[in-house]
Amino acid sequence: MSLLVIAVGLFCIGLYGVLTRRDLVAILASIEVMLGSATLLLVGLAVAGRTVQGSEGMVEGVGLMVIVLAAAEAAVGLALVISVSRRFKTTRIDEIVKVRG
């Protein structure tokens, strides 16, 4: 139960950061906190379900999959932030007003 409370608390902190921050790097860091809370919950649930027969590698598989997804998300997010900052010369969301298709 405490694992669920911690994961929900971390997710809420990350969501608050996404909704209140105006800098793209801070928003990306808040998204990483949200992903970290989901990782914590998934690995915790995998550890709790380890008693099921035939699930010996489940915890390691879930943990590795989430770490790989987090690394890919961070790489794509940073690439987008660099692209936006080069184009608009800022990372503040309220200063980026020009959107073209």
C-alpha atoms as a PDB file:
ATOM      1  CA  MET A   1       0.000   0.000   0.000  1.00  0.00           C
ATOM      2  CA  SER A   2       2.821   2.411   0.843  1.00  0.00           C
ATOM      3  CA  LEU A   3       4.407   1.739  -2.549  1.00  0.00           C
ATOM      4  CA  LEU A   4       1.212   2.913  -4.230  1.00  0.00           C
ATOM      5  CA  VAL A   5       1.119   6.067  -2.115  1.00  0.00           C
ATOM      6  CA  ILE A   6       4.749   6.895  -2.926  1.00  0.00           C
ATOM      7  CA  ALA A   7       4.238   6.273  -6.652  1.00  0.00           C
ATOM      8  CA  VAL A   8       1.076   8.397  -6.740  1.00  0.00           C
ATOM      9  CA  GLY A   9       2.821  11.144  -4.781  1.00  0.00           C
ATOM     10  CA  LEU A  10       5.763  11.200  -7.206  1.00  0.00           C
ATOM     11  CA  PHE A  11       3.384  11.210 -10.153  1.00  0.00           C
ATOM     12  CA  CYS A  12       1.463  14.157  -8.691  1.00  0.00           C
ATOM     13  CA  ILE A  13       4.724  16.072  -8.128  1.00  0.00           C
ATOM     14  CA  GLY A  14       5.688  15.462 -11.755  1.00  0.00           C
ATOM     15  CA  LEU A  15       2.236  16.454 -13.003  1.00  0.00           C
ATOM     16  CA  TYR A  16       2.380  19.654 -10.949  1.00  0.00           C
ATOM     17  CA  GLY A  17       5.755  20.431 -12.508  1.00  0.00           C
ATOM     18  CA  VAL A  18       4.433  19.863 -16.029  1.00  0.00           C
ATOM     19  CA  LEU A  19       1.429  22.090 -15.448  1.00  0.00           C
ATOM     20  CA  THR A  20       3.232  24.968 -13.702  1.00  0.00           C
ATOM     21  CA  ARG A  21       6.659  25.210 -15.367  1.00  0.00           C
ATOM     22  CA  ARG A  22       7.268  27.351 -18.443  1.00  0.00           C
ATOM     23  CA  ASP A  23      10.754  26.128 -19.372  1.00  0.00           C
ATOM     24  CA  LEU A  24      11.019  23.150 -21.720  1.00  0.00           C
ATOM     25  CA  VAL A  25      13.893  21.566 -19.799  1.00  0.00           C
ATOM     26  CA  ALA A  26      11.958  21.773 -16.513  1.00  0.00           C
ATOM     27  CA  ILE A  27       8.912  20.233 -18.177  1.00  0.00           C
ATOM     28  CA  LEU A  28      11.066  17.408 -19.532  1.00  0.00           C
ATOM     29  CA  ALA A  29      12.491  16.811 -16.047  1.00  0.00           C
ATOM     30  CA  SER A  30       8.962  16.700 -14.620  1.00  0.00           C
ATOM     31  CA  ILE A  31       7.968  14.145 -17.242  1.00  0.00           C
ATOM     32  CA  GLU A  32      10.976  12.081 -16.169  1.00  0.00           C
ATOM     33  CA  VAL A  33       9.735  12.212 -12.560  1.00  0.00           C
ATOM     34  CA  MET A  34       6.347  10.963 -13.743  1.00  0.00           C
ATOM     35  CA  LEU A  35       8.021   8.147 -15.670  1.00  0.00           C
ATOM     36  CA  GLY A  36      10.110   7.309 -12.617  1.00  0.00           C
ATOM     37  CA  SER A  37       6.986   6.936 -10.514  1.00  0.00           C
ATOM     38  CA  ALA A  38       5.489   4.604 -13.095  1.00  0.00           C
ATOM     39  CA  THR A  39       8.737   2.608 -13.085  1.00  0.00           C
ATOM     40  CA  LEU A  40       8.636   2.352  -9.319  1.00  0.00           C
ATOM     41  CA  LEU A  41       5.066   1.076  -9.415  1.00  0.00           C
ATOM     42  CA  LEU A  42       5.706  -1.438 -12.208  1.00  0.00           C
ATOM     43  CA  VAL A  43       8.790  -2.904 -10.572  1.00  0.00           C
ATOM     44  CA  GLY A  44       7.073  -2.979  -7.190  1.00  0.00           C
ATOM     45  CA  LEU A  45       4.113  -4.836  -8.640  1.00  0.00           C
ATOM     46  CA  ALA A  46       6.455  -7.239 -10.419  1.00  0.00           C
ATOM     47  CA  VAL A  47       8.241  -7.946  -7.129  1.00  0.00           C
ATOM     48  CA  ALA A  48       4.896  -8.495  -5.405  1.00  0.00           C
ATOM     49  CA  GLY A  49       3.816 -10.903  -8.145  1.00  0.00           C
ATOM     50  CA  ARG A  50       7.104 -12.807  -8.055  1.00  0.00           C
ATOM     51  CA  THR A  51       5.530 -15.604  -6.050  1.00  0.00           C
ATOM     52  CA  VAL A  52       3.629 -16.714  -9.151  1.00  0.00           C
ATOM     53  CA  GLN A  53       5.259 -19.784 -10.647  1.00  0.00           C
ATOM     54  CA  GLY A  54       6.992 -19.194 -13.977  1.00  0.00           C
ATOM     55  CA  SER A  55       7.677 -15.483 -13.423  1.00  0.00           C
ATOM     56  CA  GLU A  56      11.324 -15.698 -12.370  1.00  0.00           C
ATOM     57  CA  GLY A  57      12.636 -13.128 -14.864  1.00  0.00           C
ATOM     58  CA  MET A  58       9.632 -10.833 -14.689  1.00  0.00           C
ATOM     59  CA  VAL A  59      11.136  -8.192 -12.391  1.00  0.00           C
ATOM     60  CA  GLU A  60      14.339  -7.900 -14.394  1.00  0.00           C
ATOM     61  CA  GLY A  61      12.437  -7.789 -17.684  1.00  0.00           C
ATOM     62  CA  VAL A  62      10.027  -5.090 -16.530  1.00  0.00           C
ATOM     63  CA  GLY A  63      12.831  -3.014 -15.028  1.00  0.00           C
ATOM     64  CA  LEU A  64      15.007  -3.266 -18.127  1.00  0.00           C
ATOM     65  CA  MET A  65      12.110  -2.435 -20.453  1.00  0.00           C
ATOM     66  CA  VAL A  66      11.170   0.679 -18.502  1.00  0.00           C
ATOM     67  CA  ILE A  67      14.795   1.871 -18.305  1.00  0.00           C
ATOM     68  CA  VAL A  68      15.186   1.479 -22.071  1.00  0.00           C
ATOM     69  CA  LEU A  69      11.931   3.375 -22.665  1.00  0.00           C
ATOM     70  CA  ALA A  70      13.051   6.153 -20.317  1.00  0.00           C
ATOM     71  CA  ALA A  71      16.358   6.495 -22.137  1.00  0.00           C
ATOM     72  CA  ALA A  72      14.621   6.662 -25.519  1.00  0.00           C
ATOM     73  CA  GLU A  73      12.123   9.220 -24.231  1.00  0.00           C
ATOM     74  CA  ALA A  74      14.896  11.377 -22.783  1.00  0.00           C
ATOM     75  CA  ALA A  75      16.872  11.266 -26.039  1.00  0.00           C
ATOM     76  CA  VAL A  76      13.873  12.231 -28.168  1.00  0.00           C
ATOM     77  CA  GLY A  77      12.778  14.913 -25.703  1.00  0.00           C
ATOM     78  CA  LEU A  78      16.219  16.503 -25.530  1.00  0.00           C
ATOM     79  CA  ALA A  79      16.495  16.430 -29.321  1.00  0.00           C
ATOM     80  CA  LEU A  80      13.179  18.279 -29.570  1.00  0.00           C
ATOM     81  CA  VAL A  81      14.248  20.821 -26.949  1.00  0.00           C
ATOM     82  CA  ILE A  82      17.517  21.467 -28.816  1.00  0.00           C
ATOM     83  CA  SER A  83      15.650  21.834 -32.099  1.00  0.00           C
ATOM     84  CA  VAL A  84      13.147  24.300 -30.622  1.00  0.00           C
ATOM     85  CA  SER A  85      15.839  26.296 -28.850  1.00  0.00           C
ATOM     86  CA  ARG A  86      17.868  26.612 -32.049  1.00  0.00           C
ATOM     87  CA  ARG A  87      14.862  27.687 -34.073  1.00  0.00           C
ATOM     88  CA  PHE A  88      13.295  30.146 -31.639  1.00  0.00           C
ATOM     89  CA  LYS A  89      16.412  31.070 -29.577  1.00  0.00           C
ATOM     90  CA  THR A  90      14.565  30.366 -26.321  1.00  0.00           C
ATOM     91  CA  THR A  91      13.284  27.452 -24.233  1.00  0.00           C
ATOM     92  CA  ARG A  92      10.421  29.358 -22.600  1.00  0.00           C
ATOM     93  CA  ILE A  93       7.026  28.119 -23.742  1.00  0.00           C
ATOM     94  CA  ASP A  94       5.267  31.475 -23.419  1.00  0.00           C
ATOM     95  CA  GLU A  95       7.831  33.079 -25.765  1.00  0.00           C
ATOM     96  CA  ILE A  96       7.337  30.477 -28.486  1.00  0.00           C
ATOM     97  CA  VAL A  97       4.296  31.819 -30.315  1.00  0.00           C
ATOM     98  CA  LYS A  98       4.982  31.034 -33.950  1.00  0.00           C
ATOM     99  CA  VAL A  99       3.572  27.674 -35.018  1.00  0.00           C
ATOM    100  CA  ARG A 100       3.611  26.688 -38.656  1.00  0.00           C
ATOM    101  CA  GLY A 101       2.682  23.478 -40.432  1.00  0.00           C
END
